[in-house]
Amino acid sequence: MSEERFFLYDDIEETKTRFVSFMGESQRFDLAIISSGRHYGKQIVLDMQSNRFAIVGSDDLEEPGYIEYAYRLNEEEASELRSFLYEVV
């Protein structure tokens, strides 16, 4: 028996994706940065090495521990990623 699916939303939206890879002091970052109008000017940043992602805006970069928590990075690794993301978000 089939149950009806209750959708909260089902939207299709044009996006722009930037793929970037860089080597930090202790780790390589392979990122997909997805921009759309969906998240109030923030980007979805996927770290393809760790299979982790977060919705990131400049306010999130200022939030202590956010990048460390979202990507499970130590302070030094998070600092490298945060430094790059300041340039793109």
PDB file of N, CA and C in Angstrom:
ATOM      1  N   MET A   1       0.853  -1.181   0.000  1.00  0.00           N
ATOM      2  CA  MET A   1       0.000   0.000   0.000  1.00  0.00           C
ATOM      3  C   MET A   1       0.895   1.240   0.000  1.00  0.00           C
ATOM      4  N   SER A   2       0.599   2.153  -0.869  1.00  0.00           N
ATOM      5  CA  SER A   2       1.393   3.366  -1.018  1.00  0.00           C
ATOM      6  C   SER A   2       0.835   4.484  -0.136  1.00  0.00           C
ATOM      7  N   GLU A   3       1.730   5.127   0.577  1.00  0.00           N
ATOM      8  CA  GLU A   3       1.363   6.237   1.444  1.00  0.00           C
ATOM      9  C   GLU A   3       1.670   7.539   0.714  1.00  0.00           C
ATOM     10  N   GLU A   4       0.814   8.549   0.849  1.00  0.00           N
ATOM     11  CA  GLU A   4       1.093   9.833   0.218  1.00  0.00           C
ATOM     12  C   GLU A   4       2.224  10.529   0.940  1.00  0.00           C
ATOM     13  N   ARG A   5       3.118  11.097   0.161  1.00  0.00           N
ATOM     14  CA  ARG A   5       4.273  11.805   0.717  1.00  0.00           C
ATOM     15  C   ARG A   5       3.860  13.246   1.029  1.00  0.00           C
ATOM     16  N   PHE A   6       4.218  13.724   2.198  1.00  0.00           N
ATOM     17  CA  PHE A   6       3.929  15.096   2.603  1.00  0.00           C
ATOM     18  C   PHE A   6       5.194  15.927   2.425  1.00  0.00           C
ATOM     19  N   PHE A   7       5.220  16.765   1.395  1.00  0.00           N
ATOM     20  CA  PHE A   7       6.380  17.611   1.115  1.00  0.00           C
ATOM     21  C   PHE A   7       6.272  18.930   1.863  1.00  0.00           C
ATOM     22  N   LEU A   8       7.347  19.318   2.490  1.00  0.00           N
ATOM     23  CA  LEU A   8       7.419  20.656   3.068  1.00  0.00           C
ATOM     24  C   LEU A   8       7.742  21.652   1.968  1.00  0.00           C
ATOM     25  N   TYR A   9       8.595  21.246   1.025  1.00  0.00           N
ATOM     26  CA  TYR A   9       8.850  21.999  -0.197  1.00  0.00           C
ATOM     27  C   TYR A   9       9.495  21.073  -1.200  1.00  0.00           C
ATOM     28  N   ASP A  10       9.383  21.428  -2.451  1.00  0.00           N
ATOM     29  CA  ASP A  10       9.979  20.670  -3.553  1.00  0.00           C
ATOM     30  C   ASP A  10      10.255  21.679  -4.658  1.00  0.00           C
ATOM     31  N   ASP A  11      11.379  22.390  -4.540  1.00  0.00           N
ATOM     32  CA  ASP A  11      11.711  23.476  -5.452  1.00  0.00           C
ATOM     33  C   ASP A  11      12.900  23.096  -6.321  1.00  0.00           C
ATOM     34  N   ILE A  12      12.929  23.654  -7.493  1.00  0.00           N
ATOM     35  CA  ILE A  12      14.095  23.543  -8.370  1.00  0.00           C
ATOM     36  C   ILE A  12      14.627  24.955  -8.544  1.00  0.00           C
ATOM     37  N   GLU A  13      15.937  25.101  -8.352  1.00  0.00           N
ATOM     38  CA  GLU A  13      16.532  26.426  -8.401  1.00  0.00           C
ATOM     39  C   GLU A  13      17.849  26.375  -9.158  1.00  0.00           C
ATOM     40  N   GLU A  14      18.115  27.411  -9.927  1.00  0.00           N
ATOM     41  CA  GLU A  14      19.404  27.536 -10.606  1.00  0.00           C
ATOM     42  C   GLU A  14      20.479  27.799  -9.566  1.00  0.00           C
ATOM     43  N   THR A  15      21.607  27.132  -9.710  1.00  0.00           N
ATOM     44  CA  THR A  15      22.717  27.342  -8.789  1.00  0.00           C
ATOM     45  C   THR A  15      23.998  27.572  -9.578  1.00  0.00           C
ATOM     46  N   LYS A  16      24.982  28.106  -8.874  1.00  0.00           N
ATOM     47  CA  LYS A  16      26.323  28.279  -9.428  1.00  0.00           C
ATOM     48  C   LYS A  16      27.258  27.517  -8.489  1.00  0.00           C
ATOM     49  N   THR A  17      28.091  26.664  -9.051  1.00  0.00           N
ATOM     50  CA  THR A  17      28.993  25.861  -8.232  1.00  0.00           C
ATOM     51  C   THR A  17      30.432  26.144  -8.625  1.00  0.00           C
ATOM     52  N   ARG A  18      31.246  26.414  -7.617  1.00  0.00           N
ATOM     53  CA  ARG A  18      32.680  26.617  -7.825  1.00  0.00           C
ATOM     54  C   ARG A  18      33.406  25.436  -7.177  1.00  0.00           C
ATOM     55  N   PHE A  19      34.266  24.794  -7.934  1.00  0.00           N
ATOM     56  CA  PHE A  19      35.090  23.709  -7.404  1.00  0.00           C
ATOM     57  C   PHE A  19      36.492  24.250  -7.218  1.00  0.00           C
ATOM     58  N   VAL A  20      37.035  24.078  -6.019  1.00  0.00           N
ATOM     59  CA  VAL A  20      38.373  24.590  -5.730  1.00  0.00           C
ATOM     60  C   VAL A  20      39.100  23.596  -4.829  1.00  0.00           C
ATOM     61  N   SER A  21      40.379  23.421  -5.101  1.00  0.00           N
ATOM     62  CA  SER A  21      41.217  22.540  -4.297  1.00  0.00           C
ATOM     63  C   SER A  21      42.471  23.317  -3.916  1.00  0.00           C
ATOM     64  N   PHE A  22      42.841  23.233  -2.644  1.00  0.00           N
ATOM     65  CA  PHE A  22      44.089  23.868  -2.217  1.00  0.00           C
ATOM     66  C   PHE A  22      44.701  23.065  -1.086  1.00  0.00           C
ATOM     67  N   MET A  23      45.997  23.223  -0.943  1.00  0.00           N
ATOM     68  CA  MET A  23      46.737  22.518   0.090  1.00  0.00           C
ATOM     69  C   MET A  23      47.059  23.486   1.213  1.00  0.00           C
ATOM     70  N   GLY A  24      46.605  23.164   2.403  1.00  0.00           N
ATOM     71  CA  GLY A  24      46.970  23.934   3.580  1.00  0.00           C
ATOM     72  C   GLY A  24      48.280  23.404   4.137  1.00  0.00           C
ATOM     73  N   GLU A  25      48.644  23.885   5.323  1.00  0.00           N
ATOM     74  CA  GLU A  25      49.885  23.424   5.958  1.00  0.00           C
ATOM     75  C   GLU A  25      49.824  21.940   6.308  1.00  0.00           C
ATOM     76  N   SER A  26      48.641  21.475   6.721  1.00  0.00           N
ATOM     77  CA  SER A  26      48.545  20.094   7.192  1.00  0.00           C
ATOM     78  C   SER A  26      47.490  19.259   6.479  1.00  0.00           C
ATOM     79  N   GLN A  27      46.760  19.843   5.565  1.00  0.00           N
ATOM     80  CA  GLN A  27      45.641  19.129   4.960  1.00  0.00           C
ATOM     81  C   GLN A  27      45.283  19.714   3.606  1.00  0.00           C
ATOM     82  N   ARG A  28      44.781  18.854   2.741  1.00  0.00           N
ATOM     83  CA  ARG A  28      44.267  19.273   1.441  1.00  0.00           C
ATOM     84  C   ARG A  28      42.768  19.509   1.583  1.00  0.00           C
ATOM     85  N   PHE A  29      42.279  20.559   0.931  1.00  0.00           N
ATOM     86  CA  PHE A  29      40.855  20.863   0.915  1.00  0.00           C
ATOM     87  C   PHE A  29      40.352  20.776  -0.526  1.00  0.00           C
ATOM     88  N   ASP A  30      39.357  19.971  -0.762  1.00  0.00           N
ATOM     89  CA  ASP A  30      38.667  19.878  -2.048  1.00  0.00           C
ATOM     90  C   ASP A  30      37.233  20.304  -1.794  1.00  0.00           C
ATOM     91  N   LEU A  31      36.896  21.489  -2.265  1.00  0.00           N
ATOM     92  CA  LEU A  31      35.610  22.090  -1.924  1.00  0.00           C
ATOM     93  C   LEU A  31      34.720  22.267  -3.145  1.00  0.00           C
ATOM     94  N   ALA A  32      33.436  22.152  -2.916  1.00  0.00           N
ATOM     95  CA  ALA A  32      32.420  22.574  -3.869  1.00  0.00           C
ATOM     96  C   ALA A  32      31.633  23.658  -3.142  1.00  0.00           C
ATOM     97  N   ILE A  33      31.589  24.848  -3.721  1.00  0.00           N
ATOM     98  CA  ILE A  33      30.913  25.987  -3.104  1.00  0.00           C
ATOM     99  C   ILE A  33      29.694  26.305  -3.969  1.00  0.00           C
ATOM    100  N   ILE A  34      28.527  26.087  -3.408  1.00  0.00           N
ATOM    101  CA  ILE A  34      27.273  26.216  -4.151  1.00  0.00           C
ATOM    102  C   ILE A  34      26.567  27.494  -3.731  1.00  0.00           C
ATOM    103  N   SER A  35      26.275  28.333  -4.718  1.00  0.00           N
ATOM    104  CA  SER A  35      25.570  29.595  -4.474  1.00  0.00           C
ATOM    105  C   SER A  35      24.187  29.535  -5.101  1.00  0.00           C
ATOM    106  N   SER A  36      23.208  30.018  -4.362  1.00  0.00           N
ATOM    107  CA  SER A  36      21.841  30.137  -4.875  1.00  0.00           C
ATOM    108  C   SER A  36      21.140  31.211  -4.053  1.00  0.00           C
ATOM    109  N   GLY A  37      19.927  31.478  -4.362  1.00  0.00           N
ATOM    110  CA  GLY A  37      19.151  32.442  -3.589  1.00  0.00           C
ATOM    111  C   GLY A  37      18.474  31.807  -2.394  1.00  0.00           C
ATOM    112  N   ARG A  38      18.661  30.548  -2.204  1.00  0.00           N
ATOM    113  CA  ARG A  38      17.928  29.777  -1.201  1.00  0.00           C
ATOM    114  C   ARG A  38      18.297  30.103   0.246  1.00  0.00           C
ATOM    115  N   HIS A  39      19.550  30.399   0.513  1.00  0.00           N
ATOM    116  CA  HIS A  39      20.005  30.514   1.899  1.00  0.00           C
ATOM    117  C   HIS A  39      20.411  31.938   2.270  1.00  0.00           C
ATOM    118  N   TYR A  40      19.651  32.919   1.790  1.00  0.00           N
ATOM    119  CA  TYR A  40      19.823  34.317   2.197  1.00  0.00           C
ATOM    120  C   TYR A  40      21.245  34.822   2.004  1.00  0.00           C
ATOM    121  N   GLY A  41      21.840  34.496   0.861  1.00  0.00           N
ATOM    122  CA  GLY A  41      23.171  34.987   0.539  1.00  0.00           C
ATOM    123  C   GLY A  41      24.308  34.126   1.051  1.00  0.00           C
ATOM    124  N   LYS A  42      23.994  33.076   1.778  1.00  0.00           N
ATOM    125  CA  LYS A  42      25.033  32.168   2.250  1.00  0.00           C
ATOM    126  C   LYS A  42      25.276  31.088   1.199  1.00  0.00           C
ATOM    127  N   GLN A  43      26.434  30.440   1.295  1.00  0.00           N
ATOM    128  CA  GLN A  43      26.774  29.372   0.366  1.00  0.00           C
ATOM    129  C   GLN A  43      26.777  28.032   1.091  1.00  0.00           C
ATOM    130  N   ILE A  44      26.500  26.976   0.327  1.00  0.00           N
ATOM    131  CA  ILE A  44      26.691  25.622   0.836  1.00  0.00           C
ATOM    132  C   ILE A  44      28.116  25.255   0.477  1.00  0.00           C
ATOM    133  N   VAL A  45      28.918  24.933   1.472  1.00  0.00           N
ATOM    134  CA  VAL A  45      30.319  24.594   1.245  1.00  0.00           C
ATOM    135  C   VAL A  45      30.499  23.120   1.592  1.00  0.00           C
ATOM    136  N   LEU A  46      30.779  22.332   0.550  1.00  0.00           N
ATOM    137  CA  LEU A  46      30.999  20.898   0.729  1.00  0.00           C
ATOM    138  C   LEU A  46      32.489  20.614   0.710  1.00  0.00           C
ATOM    139  N   ASP A  47      32.961  19.921   1.717  1.00  0.00           N
ATOM    140  CA  ASP A  47      34.344  19.448   1.737  1.00  0.00           C
ATOM    141  C   ASP A  47      34.291  18.009   1.234  1.00  0.00           C
ATOM    142  N   MET A  48      34.711  17.797   0.008  1.00  0.00           N
ATOM    143  CA  MET A  48      34.580  16.481  -0.609  1.00  0.00           C
ATOM    144  C   MET A  48      35.561  15.460  -0.052  1.00  0.00           C
ATOM    145  N   GLN A  49      36.617  15.900   0.638  1.00  0.00           N
ATOM    146  CA  GLN A  49      37.552  14.968   1.267  1.00  0.00           C
ATOM    147  C   GLN A  49      36.924  14.330   2.508  1.00  0.00           C
ATOM    148  N   SER A  50      36.199  15.123   3.275  1.00  0.00           N
ATOM    149  CA  SER A  50      35.643  14.611   4.538  1.00  0.00           C
ATOM    150  C   SER A  50      34.156  14.275   4.444  1.00  0.00           C
ATOM    151  N   ASN A  51      33.528  14.550   3.290  1.00  0.00           N
ATOM    152  CA  ASN A  51      32.089  14.333   3.122  1.00  0.00           C
ATOM    153  C   ASN A  51      31.266  15.131   4.133  1.00  0.00           C
ATOM    154  N   ARG A  52      31.700  16.354   4.411  1.00  0.00           N
ATOM    155  CA  ARG A  52      30.986  17.234   5.330  1.00  0.00           C
ATOM    156  C   ARG A  52      30.601  18.514   4.590  1.00  0.00           C
ATOM    157  N   PHE A  53      29.536  19.127   5.053  1.00  0.00           N
ATOM    158  CA  PHE A  53      29.113  20.382   4.442  1.00  0.00           C
ATOM    159  C   PHE A  53      28.487  21.270   5.502  1.00  0.00           C
ATOM    160  N   ALA A  54      28.419  22.551   5.168  1.00  0.00           N
ATOM    161  CA  ALA A  54      27.755  23.518   6.039  1.00  0.00           C
ATOM    162  C   ALA A  54      27.255  24.669   5.182  1.00  0.00           C
ATOM    163  N   ILE A  55      26.255  25.354   5.674  1.00  0.00           N
ATOM    164  CA  ILE A  55      25.778  26.579   5.057  1.00  0.00           C
ATOM    165  C   ILE A  55      26.571  27.699   5.718  1.00  0.00           C
ATOM    166  N   VAL A  56      27.349  28.426   4.912  1.00  0.00           N
ATOM    167  CA  VAL A  56      28.326  29.355   5.475  1.00  0.00           C
ATOM    168  C   VAL A  56      28.126  30.761   4.918  1.00  0.00           C
ATOM    169  N   GLY A  57      28.072  31.724   5.812  1.00  0.00           N
ATOM    170  CA  GLY A  57      28.086  33.142   5.483  1.00  0.00           C
ATOM    171  C   GLY A  57      29.160  33.815   6.311  1.00  0.00           C
ATOM    172  N   SER A  58      29.384  35.084   6.069  1.00  0.00           N
ATOM    173  CA  SER A  58      30.435  35.787   6.799  1.00  0.00           C
ATOM    174  C   SER A  58      30.172  35.794   8.301  1.00  0.00           C
ATOM    175  N   ASP A  59      28.902  35.833   8.705  1.00  0.00           N
ATOM    176  CA  ASP A  59      28.584  35.797  10.136  1.00  0.00           C
ATOM    177  C   ASP A  59      28.997  34.468  10.764  1.00  0.00           C
ATOM    178  N   ASP A  60      28.894  33.379  10.005  1.00  0.00           N
ATOM    179  CA  ASP A  60      29.292  32.075  10.527  1.00  0.00           C
ATOM    180  C   ASP A  60      30.800  31.977  10.713  1.00  0.00           C
ATOM    181  N   LEU A  61      31.547  32.657   9.857  1.00  0.00           N
ATOM    182  CA  LEU A  61      32.999  32.643   9.979  1.00  0.00           C
ATOM    183  C   LEU A  61      33.453  33.347  11.253  1.00  0.00           C
ATOM    184  N   GLU A  62      32.634  34.279  11.733  1.00  0.00           N
ATOM    185  CA  GLU A  62      32.944  35.009  12.968  1.00  0.00           C
ATOM    186  C   GLU A  62      32.531  34.228  14.212  1.00  0.00           C
ATOM    187  N   GLU A  63      31.690  33.229  14.034  1.00  0.00           N
ATOM    188  CA  GLU A  63      31.173  32.451  15.167  1.00  0.00           C
ATOM    189  C   GLU A  63      32.257  31.505  15.688  1.00  0.00           C
ATOM    190  N   PRO A  64      32.700  31.679  16.934  1.00  0.00           N
ATOM    191  CA  PRO A  64      33.775  30.834  17.470  1.00  0.00           C
ATOM    192  C   PRO A  64      33.390  29.341  17.427  1.00  0.00           C
ATOM    193  N   GLY A  65      34.280  28.542  16.862  1.00  0.00           N
ATOM    194  CA  GLY A  65      34.090  27.096  16.842  1.00  0.00           C
ATOM    195  C   GLY A  65      33.190  26.549  15.752  1.00  0.00           C
ATOM    196  N   TYR A  66      32.560  27.427  14.957  1.00  0.00           N
ATOM    197  CA  TYR A  66      31.609  26.945  13.945  1.00  0.00           C
ATOM    198  C   TYR A  66      32.290  26.084  12.883  1.00  0.00           C
ATOM    199  N   ILE A  67      33.371  26.573  12.307  1.00  0.00           N
ATOM    200  CA  ILE A  67      34.066  25.825  11.256  1.00  0.00           C
ATOM    201  C   ILE A  67      34.672  24.547  11.837  1.00  0.00           C
ATOM    202  N   GLU A  68      35.237  24.637  13.036  1.00  0.00           N
ATOM    203  CA  GLU A  68      35.801  23.453  13.688  1.00  0.00           C
ATOM    204  C   GLU A  68      34.728  22.372  13.855  1.00  0.00           C
ATOM    205  N   TYR A  69      33.573  22.781  14.327  1.00  0.00           N
ATOM    206  CA  TYR A  69      32.479  21.840  14.566  1.00  0.00           C
ATOM    207  C   TYR A  69      31.911  21.285  13.257  1.00  0.00           C
ATOM    208  N   ALA A  70      31.615  22.164  12.322  1.00  0.00           N
ATOM    209  CA  ALA A  70      30.952  21.742  11.085  1.00  0.00           C
ATOM    210  C   ALA A  70      31.793  20.775  10.266  1.00  0.00           C
ATOM    211  N   TYR A  71      33.091  21.006  10.243  1.00  0.00           N
ATOM    212  CA  TYR A  71      33.966  20.177   9.406  1.00  0.00           C
ATOM    213  C   TYR A  71      34.868  19.251  10.223  1.00  0.00           C
ATOM    214  N   ARG A  72      34.682  19.238  11.538  1.00  0.00           N
ATOM    215  CA  ARG A  72      35.482  18.406  12.453  1.00  0.00           C
ATOM    216  C   ARG A  72      36.976  18.607  12.224  1.00  0.00           C
ATOM    217  N   LEU A  73      37.376  19.855  12.344  1.00  0.00           N
ATOM    218  CA  LEU A  73      38.771  20.239  12.139  1.00  0.00           C
ATOM    219  C   LEU A  73      39.370  20.729  13.446  1.00  0.00           C
ATOM    220  N   ASN A  74      40.687  20.605  13.555  1.00  0.00           N
ATOM    221  CA  ASN A  74      41.346  21.212  14.705  1.00  0.00           C
ATOM    222  C   ASN A  74      41.477  22.712  14.434  1.00  0.00           C
ATOM    223  N   GLU A  75      41.960  23.441  15.397  1.00  0.00           N
ATOM    224  CA  GLU A  75      42.015  24.907  15.303  1.00  0.00           C
ATOM    225  C   GLU A  75      42.863  25.388  14.125  1.00  0.00           C
ATOM    226  N   GLU A  76      44.011  24.744  13.907  1.00  0.00           N
ATOM    227  CA  GLU A  76      44.905  25.149  12.813  1.00  0.00           C
ATOM    228  C   GLU A  76      44.267  24.889  11.441  1.00  0.00           C
ATOM    229  N   GLU A  77      43.674  23.708  11.268  1.00  0.00           N
ATOM    230  CA  GLU A  77      43.022  23.368   9.994  1.00  0.00           C
ATOM    231  C   GLU A  77      41.840  24.299   9.737  1.00  0.00           C
ATOM    232  N   ALA A  78      41.059  24.552  10.771  1.00  0.00           N
ATOM    233  CA  ALA A  78      39.901  25.437  10.632  1.00  0.00           C
ATOM    234  C   ALA A  78      40.339  26.847  10.277  1.00  0.00           C
ATOM    235  N   SER A  79      41.446  27.287  10.822  1.00  0.00           N
ATOM    236  CA  SER A  79      41.957  28.620  10.514  1.00  0.00           C
ATOM    237  C   SER A  79      42.302  28.739   9.031  1.00  0.00           C
ATOM    238  N   GLU A  80      42.908  27.697   8.464  1.00  0.00           N
ATOM    239  CA  GLU A  80      43.241  27.706   7.031  1.00  0.00           C
ATOM    240  C   GLU A  80      41.981  27.757   6.173  1.00  0.00           C
ATOM    241  N   LEU A  81      40.996  26.941   6.528  1.00  0.00           N
ATOM    242  CA  LEU A  81      39.748  26.930   5.768  1.00  0.00           C
ATOM    243  C   LEU A  81      39.021  28.260   5.930  1.00  0.00           C
ATOM    244  N   ARG A  82      38.951  28.757   7.147  1.00  0.00           N
ATOM    245  CA  ARG A  82      38.267  30.028   7.414  1.00  0.00           C
ATOM    246  C   ARG A  82      38.915  31.168   6.628  1.00  0.00           C
ATOM    247  N   SER A  83      40.234  31.185   6.575  1.00  0.00           N
ATOM    248  CA  SER A  83      40.956  32.216   5.845  1.00  0.00           C
ATOM    249  C   SER A  83      40.561  32.207   4.364  1.00  0.00           C
ATOM    250  N   PHE A  84      40.473  31.025   3.779  1.00  0.00           N
ATOM    251  CA  PHE A  84      40.039  30.927   2.380  1.00  0.00           C
ATOM    252  C   PHE A  84      38.582  31.364   2.230  1.00  0.00           C
ATOM    253  N   LEU A  85      37.723  30.903   3.107  1.00  0.00           N
ATOM    254  CA  LEU A  85      36.296  31.202   2.969  1.00  0.00           C
ATOM    255  C   LEU A  85      35.990  32.687   3.129  1.00  0.00           C
ATOM    256  N   TYR A  86      36.796  33.408   3.892  1.00  0.00           N
ATOM    257  CA  TYR A  86      36.620  34.860   3.981  1.00  0.00           C
ATOM    258  C   TYR A  86      36.710  35.503   2.605  1.00  0.00           C
ATOM    259  N   GLU A  87      37.479  34.902   1.709  1.00  0.00           N
ATOM    260  CA  GLU A  87      37.650  35.454   0.356  1.00  0.00           C
ATOM    261  C   GLU A  87      36.453  35.164  -0.548  1.00  0.00           C
ATOM    262  N   VAL A  88      35.645  34.146  -0.233  1.00  0.00           N
ATOM    263  CA  VAL A  88      34.604  33.725  -1.170  1.00  0.00           C
ATOM    264  C   VAL A  88      33.164  33.858  -0.673  1.00  0.00           C
ATOM    265  N   VAL A  89      32.980  34.084   0.633  1.00  0.00           N
ATOM    266  CA  VAL A  89      31.584  34.207   1.105  1.00  0.00           C
ATOM    267  C   VAL A  89      31.233  35.648   1.405  1.00  0.00           C
TER     268      VAL A  89
END
